[in-house]
Amino acid sequence: MNFTLKQFSLGTSLLALACALPAAQAADFEDYARVINVQPQVEQINMPRQECRTEYETIQRPQERSNSGGIIGGIAGGLLGSQVGGGNGRIAAAAAGALTGAIVGDRMDNNNQQGGYDSRPIRQCRTVDSWQTRTNGYAVTYEYNGRTYTSVMPYDPGSRLRLHVSLTPRP
């Protein structure tokens, strides 16, 4: 089969026309609109956090009593009292010496042991509100072809907004 140049040109033209026909019917294109206003859409979010501090409480330490001073004083007083007097007087003097020695010994032993003060840490915590402002989009008002439109977008488009325009004929 021999093709002539005329037949080749005709085939090429038909092929180009077939490819261009859908493109001629397509009404999708890119264009730009003028941005009139951009308003951030914000929301307040509470992110509570815990604040803690340590305070010190003063507590009184109780006095610790000892019996050893009274016992030793009683024995020493009894021995000293038994050295005084004779007969029943000696027994009475020993008893009085033991009693006096016990009292003096107890006071001497326990007067130096006073109660004191200690401090203990107390951790105090509380929850504090922490409000934060977060932008969750932008209300964009723009003008295209003499009409005004508004759309919420995830970013600030600046002064121009790129549009994808799609025209569809109505029946």
Protein backbone atom coordinates (compact mmCIF):
# COMPACT_ATOMS: atom_id res chain seq x y z
CA MET A 1 0.00 0.00 0.00
CA ASN A 2 1.40 3.29 -1.05
CA PHE A 3 0.44 6.41 0.81
CA THR A 4 0.78 9.66 -0.87
CA LEU A 5 1.70 12.87 0.77
CA LYS A 6 -1.86 14.09 0.37
CA GLN A 7 -3.27 11.05 2.14
CA PHE A 8 -0.70 11.41 4.91
CA SER A 9 -1.60 15.07 5.44
CA LEU A 10 -5.30 14.26 5.55
CA GLY A 11 -4.75 11.49 8.14
CA THR A 12 -2.58 13.73 10.28
CA SER A 13 -5.14 16.53 10.14
CA LEU A 14 -7.97 14.20 11.13
CA LEU A 15 -5.93 12.88 14.03
CA ALA A 16 -5.11 16.41 15.24
CA LEU A 17 -8.78 17.40 14.97
CA ALA A 18 -9.87 14.32 16.95
CA CYS A 19 -7.39 15.19 19.72
CA ALA A 20 -8.33 18.87 19.80
CA LEU A 21 -12.10 18.32 19.86
CA PRO A 22 -12.35 17.21 23.54
CA ALA A 23 -10.01 20.03 24.57
CA ALA A 24 -12.23 22.55 22.79
CA GLN A 25 -15.25 21.25 24.71
CA ALA A 26 -13.47 21.23 28.09
CA ALA A 27 -14.25 24.31 30.16
CA ASP A 28 -11.76 23.80 33.02
CA PHE A 29 -9.03 26.37 33.50
CA GLU A 30 -6.95 28.17 36.14
CA ASP A 31 -7.50 31.84 37.01
CA TYR A 32 -6.86 34.27 39.88
CA ALA A 33 -9.31 36.16 42.11
CA ARG A 34 -8.63 39.30 44.13
CA VAL A 35 -8.73 38.68 47.90
CA ILE A 36 -10.85 41.29 49.70
CA ASN A 37 -10.60 40.09 53.31
CA VAL A 38 -8.93 37.33 55.32
CA GLN A 39 -10.25 36.63 58.82
CA PRO A 40 -8.48 34.02 60.99
CA GLN A 41 -10.89 31.52 62.55
CA VAL A 42 -9.65 31.00 66.10
CA GLU A 43 -10.78 28.87 69.01
CA GLN A 44 -9.90 28.91 72.68
CA ILE A 45 -8.59 25.59 74.00
CA ASN A 46 -8.08 24.81 77.68
CA MET A 47 -4.91 22.83 78.33
CA PRO A 48 -5.01 22.42 82.15
CA ARG A 49 -1.72 21.84 83.91
CA GLN A 50 -0.75 20.94 87.44
CA GLU A 51 1.29 23.32 89.59
CA CYS A 52 2.94 21.95 92.72
CA ARG A 53 4.92 23.50 95.55
CA THR A 54 6.40 22.23 98.78
CA GLU A 55 5.51 23.93 102.05
CA TYR A 56 6.97 23.08 105.42
CA GLU A 57 4.79 22.51 108.47
CA THR A 58 6.25 23.03 111.94
CA ILE A 59 5.35 20.29 114.39
CA GLN A 60 6.16 20.07 118.09
CA ARG A 61 8.23 17.10 119.10
CA PRO A 62 6.99 15.67 122.45
CA GLN A 63 9.28 15.62 125.47
CA GLU A 64 10.78 12.20 126.09
CA ARG A 65 10.75 11.27 129.76
CA SER A 66 13.20 8.92 131.42
CA ASN A 67 12.78 6.93 134.64
CA SER A 68 16.47 6.33 135.24
CA GLY A 69 17.05 9.66 137.09
CA GLY A 70 14.25 8.91 139.56
CA ILE A 71 15.49 5.38 140.20
CA ILE A 72 19.11 6.40 140.70
CA GLY A 73 18.07 9.41 142.85
CA GLY A 74 15.80 7.20 144.97
CA ILE A 75 18.59 4.70 145.63
CA ALA A 76 21.12 7.44 146.43
CA GLY A 77 18.63 9.28 148.68
CA GLY A 78 17.73 6.07 150.48
CA LEU A 79 21.39 5.28 151.13
CA LEU A 80 22.08 8.78 152.40
CA GLY A 81 18.91 8.80 154.56
CA SER A 82 19.79 5.48 156.15
CA GLN A 83 23.03 7.00 157.42
CA VAL A 84 21.09 9.51 159.55
CA GLY A 85 19.45 8.58 162.82
CA GLY A 86 18.98 5.26 164.48
CA GLY A 87 16.22 2.65 164.96
CA ASN A 88 12.83 3.57 163.49
CA GLY A 89 14.15 7.05 162.76
CA ARG A 90 16.70 5.50 160.48
CA ILE A 91 13.96 3.75 158.46
CA ALA A 92 11.95 6.96 158.27
CA ALA A 93 15.07 8.92 157.21
CA ALA A 94 15.87 6.29 154.56
CA ALA A 95 12.28 6.51 153.21
CA ALA A 96 12.37 10.32 153.19
CA GLY A 97 15.81 10.27 151.52
CA ALA A 98 14.61 7.80 148.89
CA LEU A 99 11.54 9.95 148.14
CA THR A 100 13.52 13.18 148.00
CA GLY A 101 16.28 11.55 145.93
CA ALA A 102 13.76 10.14 143.46
CA ILE A 103 12.14 13.57 142.98
CA VAL A 104 15.46 15.40 142.60
CA GLY A 105 16.90 12.72 140.29
CA ASP A 106 13.80 12.75 138.06
CA ARG A 107 13.88 16.53 137.74
CA MET A 108 17.59 16.60 136.97
CA ASP A 109 17.27 13.87 134.35
CA ASN A 110 14.17 15.17 132.57
CA ASN A 111 14.67 18.95 132.77
CA ASN A 112 17.43 18.81 130.16
CA GLN A 113 15.27 16.82 127.76
CA GLN A 114 12.91 19.38 126.39
CA GLY A 115 10.58 18.79 123.52
CA GLY A 116 11.58 20.49 120.32
CA TYR A 117 10.25 21.50 116.96
CA ASP A 118 10.63 19.75 113.64
CA SER A 119 9.42 20.64 110.20
CA ARG A 120 8.06 18.24 107.67
CA PRO A 121 7.52 18.85 103.94
CA ILE A 122 3.98 18.90 102.59
CA ARG A 123 3.53 18.84 98.81
CA GLN A 124 0.56 20.92 97.66
CA CYS A 125 -0.72 20.60 94.08
CA ARG A 126 -3.53 22.30 92.20
CA THR A 127 -4.84 22.25 88.66
CA VAL A 128 -4.57 25.54 86.78
CA ASP A 129 -6.44 26.40 83.58
CA SER A 130 -4.15 27.31 80.70
CA TRP A 131 -6.14 28.79 77.82
CA GLN A 132 -4.50 28.89 74.40
CA THR A 133 -5.71 30.47 71.19
CA ARG A 134 -5.39 28.26 68.11
CA THR A 135 -6.10 29.22 64.49
CA ASN A 136 -8.06 26.45 62.78
CA GLY A 137 -8.64 28.13 59.39
CA TYR A 138 -9.18 31.40 57.52
CA ALA A 139 -12.45 32.88 56.24
CA VAL A 140 -11.39 34.28 52.86
CA THR A 141 -13.62 36.75 51.00
CA TYR A 142 -12.62 37.19 47.36
CA GLU A 143 -13.94 38.77 44.18
CA TYR A 144 -14.05 36.97 40.86
CA ASN A 145 -15.76 38.10 37.68
CA GLY A 146 -17.66 40.87 39.50
CA ARG A 147 -19.10 38.58 42.18
CA THR A 148 -18.06 38.17 45.82
CA TYR A 149 -17.47 34.74 47.36
CA THR A 150 -16.41 33.50 50.81
CA SER A 151 -14.63 30.26 51.57
CA VAL A 152 -12.88 28.78 54.62
CA MET A 153 -9.32 27.75 53.83
CA PRO A 154 -6.58 26.07 55.87
CA TYR A 155 -4.08 28.87 55.02
CA ASP A 156 -3.93 32.63 54.36
CA PRO A 157 -3.81 32.97 50.55
CA GLY A 158 -2.36 36.48 50.47
CA SER A 159 -3.64 39.13 48.04
CA ARG A 160 -4.48 36.75 45.18
CA LEU A 161 -6.29 33.44 45.25
CA ARG A 162 -5.64 30.80 42.62
CA LEU A 163 -8.91 29.30 41.35
CA HIS A 164 -9.78 26.22 39.36
CA VAL A 165 -12.70 27.29 37.18
CA SER A 166 -15.00 24.68 35.72
CA LEU A 167 -17.80 25.69 33.36
CA THR A 168 -20.57 23.28 32.54
CA PRO A 169 -23.30 24.13 30.02
CA ARG A 170 -26.89 23.83 31.19
CA PRO A 171 -29.33 21.83 29.10
